[in-house]
Amino acid sequence: MELTPKEPANERGVLARQQYLELARVVIGEPQIDYDTLYERFAQNDWAAVKLDEALALKGLMTGHSPKLVARILHQSPYMQHQVHQNKVPLAPMSQYVRSTVMKVLQQVEKAKSLGTQPIKSRKANLEID
């Protein structure tokens, strides 16, 4: 069965999905991947999808995006979209997942800055951030 993501409902969603895709291309090291392929690969693998979201949040924060913008971008993650549109998980707990992911990564970034070190990178080789 082929997985197909639901299209964003408005221009803001389209922009956030494009930003998600751009960050994902850098994080996973596949500059030509499209969103449908990304969705097929990550939507049903909760562990990998969560790790991808964490890596994207880190990359977004490290490149200067605000936590609010990173949260908006993560709302277009394959994991979030699959949970809401296919598994019918209510939006509120999934939005809380996004906010907590961004806050957790932001705390790692701030702690690393205060210690003068680099934030923790993903242990999975193909999700490692340079």
Protein backbone atom coordinates (compact mmCIF):
# COMPACT_ATOMS: atom_id res chain seq x y z
CA MET A 1 0.00 0.00 0.00
CA GLU A 2 1.41 3.34 -1.04
CA LEU A 3 1.27 6.10 1.54
CA THR A 4 0.15 9.48 0.27
CA PRO A 5 0.30 12.61 2.42
CA LYS A 6 -2.62 15.01 2.65
CA GLU A 7 -1.91 18.33 0.98
CA PRO A 8 -1.65 21.41 3.24
CA ALA A 9 -4.91 23.36 3.53
CA ASN A 10 -3.41 26.83 3.06
CA GLU A 11 -0.40 28.78 1.83
CA ARG A 12 1.16 28.83 5.29
CA GLY A 13 1.05 25.03 5.39
CA VAL A 14 2.53 24.79 1.89
CA LEU A 15 5.41 27.05 2.95
CA ALA A 16 6.00 25.08 6.17
CA ARG A 17 6.03 21.81 4.23
CA GLN A 18 8.58 23.23 1.79
CA GLN A 19 10.76 24.39 4.70
CA TYR A 20 10.44 20.94 6.31
CA LEU A 21 11.51 19.32 3.05
CA GLU A 22 14.49 21.66 2.64
CA LEU A 23 15.73 20.91 6.16
CA ALA A 24 15.09 17.17 5.72
CA ARG A 25 17.16 17.11 2.53
CA VAL A 26 20.12 18.51 4.44
CA VAL A 27 19.63 16.31 7.52
CA ILE A 28 19.30 13.01 5.66
CA GLY A 29 21.79 13.95 2.97
CA GLU A 30 19.46 13.43 0.01
CA PRO A 31 19.18 16.75 -1.84
CA GLN A 32 16.74 15.38 -4.46
CA ILE A 33 14.20 13.64 -2.20
CA ASP A 34 10.60 14.82 -2.54
CA TYR A 35 8.03 15.06 0.24
CA ASP A 36 6.01 12.03 -0.94
CA THR A 37 9.11 9.81 -0.77
CA LEU A 38 10.07 11.24 2.61
CA TYR A 39 6.53 10.58 3.84
CA GLU A 40 6.55 6.98 2.59
CA ARG A 41 9.91 6.36 4.25
CA PHE A 42 9.18 7.90 7.67
CA ALA A 43 5.41 8.09 8.28
CA GLN A 44 4.95 4.59 9.67
CA ASN A 45 8.31 4.23 11.41
CA ASP A 46 7.65 6.11 14.64
CA TRP A 47 11.20 5.88 15.99
CA ALA A 48 12.87 7.06 12.79
CA ALA A 49 10.24 9.77 12.26
CA VAL A 50 10.70 11.17 15.78
CA LYS A 51 14.49 11.13 15.36
CA LEU A 52 14.10 12.94 12.03
CA ASP A 53 11.88 15.57 13.69
CA GLU A 54 14.44 16.06 16.47
CA ALA A 55 17.27 16.40 13.94
CA LEU A 56 15.24 18.88 11.89
CA ALA A 57 14.38 20.91 14.98
CA LEU A 58 18.08 21.05 15.84
CA LYS A 59 19.06 22.04 12.32
CA GLY A 60 16.32 24.68 12.18
CA LEU A 61 17.30 26.21 15.52
CA MET A 62 21.01 26.10 14.69
CA THR A 63 20.40 27.91 11.40
CA GLY A 64 18.64 30.76 13.19
CA HIS A 65 14.96 29.87 12.90
CA SER A 66 12.85 30.89 15.89
CA PRO A 67 11.35 28.14 18.07
CA LYS A 68 7.90 29.25 16.88
CA LEU A 69 8.88 28.86 13.22
CA VAL A 70 10.51 25.47 13.88
CA ALA A 71 7.29 24.31 15.55
CA ARG A 72 5.27 25.50 12.53
CA ILE A 73 7.65 23.61 10.23
CA LEU A 74 7.42 20.41 12.34
CA HIS A 75 3.64 20.44 11.97
CA GLN A 76 4.34 19.26 8.41
CA SER A 77 6.50 16.31 9.45
CA PRO A 78 5.55 12.91 8.01
CA TYR A 79 5.04 11.62 11.56
CA MET A 80 2.70 14.44 12.55
CA GLN A 81 0.76 14.28 9.29
CA HIS A 82 0.40 10.50 9.40
CA GLN A 83 -0.75 10.48 13.01
CA VAL A 84 -3.38 13.18 12.43
CA HIS A 85 -4.69 12.24 8.98
CA GLN A 86 -4.31 8.44 8.85
CA ASN A 87 -4.36 7.36 12.49
CA LYS A 88 -6.91 10.04 13.48
CA VAL A 89 -4.92 11.19 16.52
CA PRO A 90 -6.40 14.53 17.67
CA LEU A 91 -4.45 17.60 16.65
CA ALA A 92 -4.00 18.91 20.22
CA PRO A 93 -1.76 16.08 21.52
CA MET A 94 0.20 16.07 18.27
CA SER A 95 0.74 19.83 18.54
CA GLN A 96 1.95 19.21 22.08
CA TYR A 97 4.40 16.61 20.68
CA VAL A 98 5.73 19.27 18.29
CA ARG A 99 6.08 21.91 21.02
CA SER A 100 7.78 19.51 23.42
CA THR A 101 10.18 18.36 20.69
CA VAL A 102 11.17 21.95 19.91
CA MET A 103 11.54 22.82 23.61
CA LYS A 104 13.64 19.72 24.31
CA VAL A 105 15.99 20.49 21.42
CA LEU A 106 16.09 24.19 22.34
CA GLN A 107 17.16 23.27 25.88
CA GLN A 108 19.93 21.07 24.43
CA VAL A 109 21.11 23.94 22.23
CA GLU A 110 21.06 26.45 25.09
CA LYS A 111 22.84 24.05 27.44
CA ALA A 112 25.50 23.33 24.82
CA LYS A 113 26.00 27.06 24.22
CA SER A 114 26.40 27.70 27.94
CA LEU A 115 28.96 24.90 28.18
CA GLY A 116 30.70 25.92 24.97
CA THR A 117 30.04 22.56 23.32
CA GLN A 118 28.00 21.25 20.40
CA PRO A 119 24.41 20.00 20.86
CA ILE A 120 23.90 16.25 20.96
CA LYS A 121 23.63 14.78 17.49
CA SER A 122 21.47 11.89 16.42
CA ARG A 123 23.11 8.53 16.98
CA LYS A 124 21.66 7.19 13.73
CA ALA A 125 24.33 7.71 11.09
CA ASN A 126 22.09 8.78 8.23
CA LEU A 127 20.35 11.39 10.39
CA GLU A 128 23.52 12.92 11.75
CA ILE A 129 23.79 16.66 11.43
CA ASP A 130 27.03 18.22 10.28
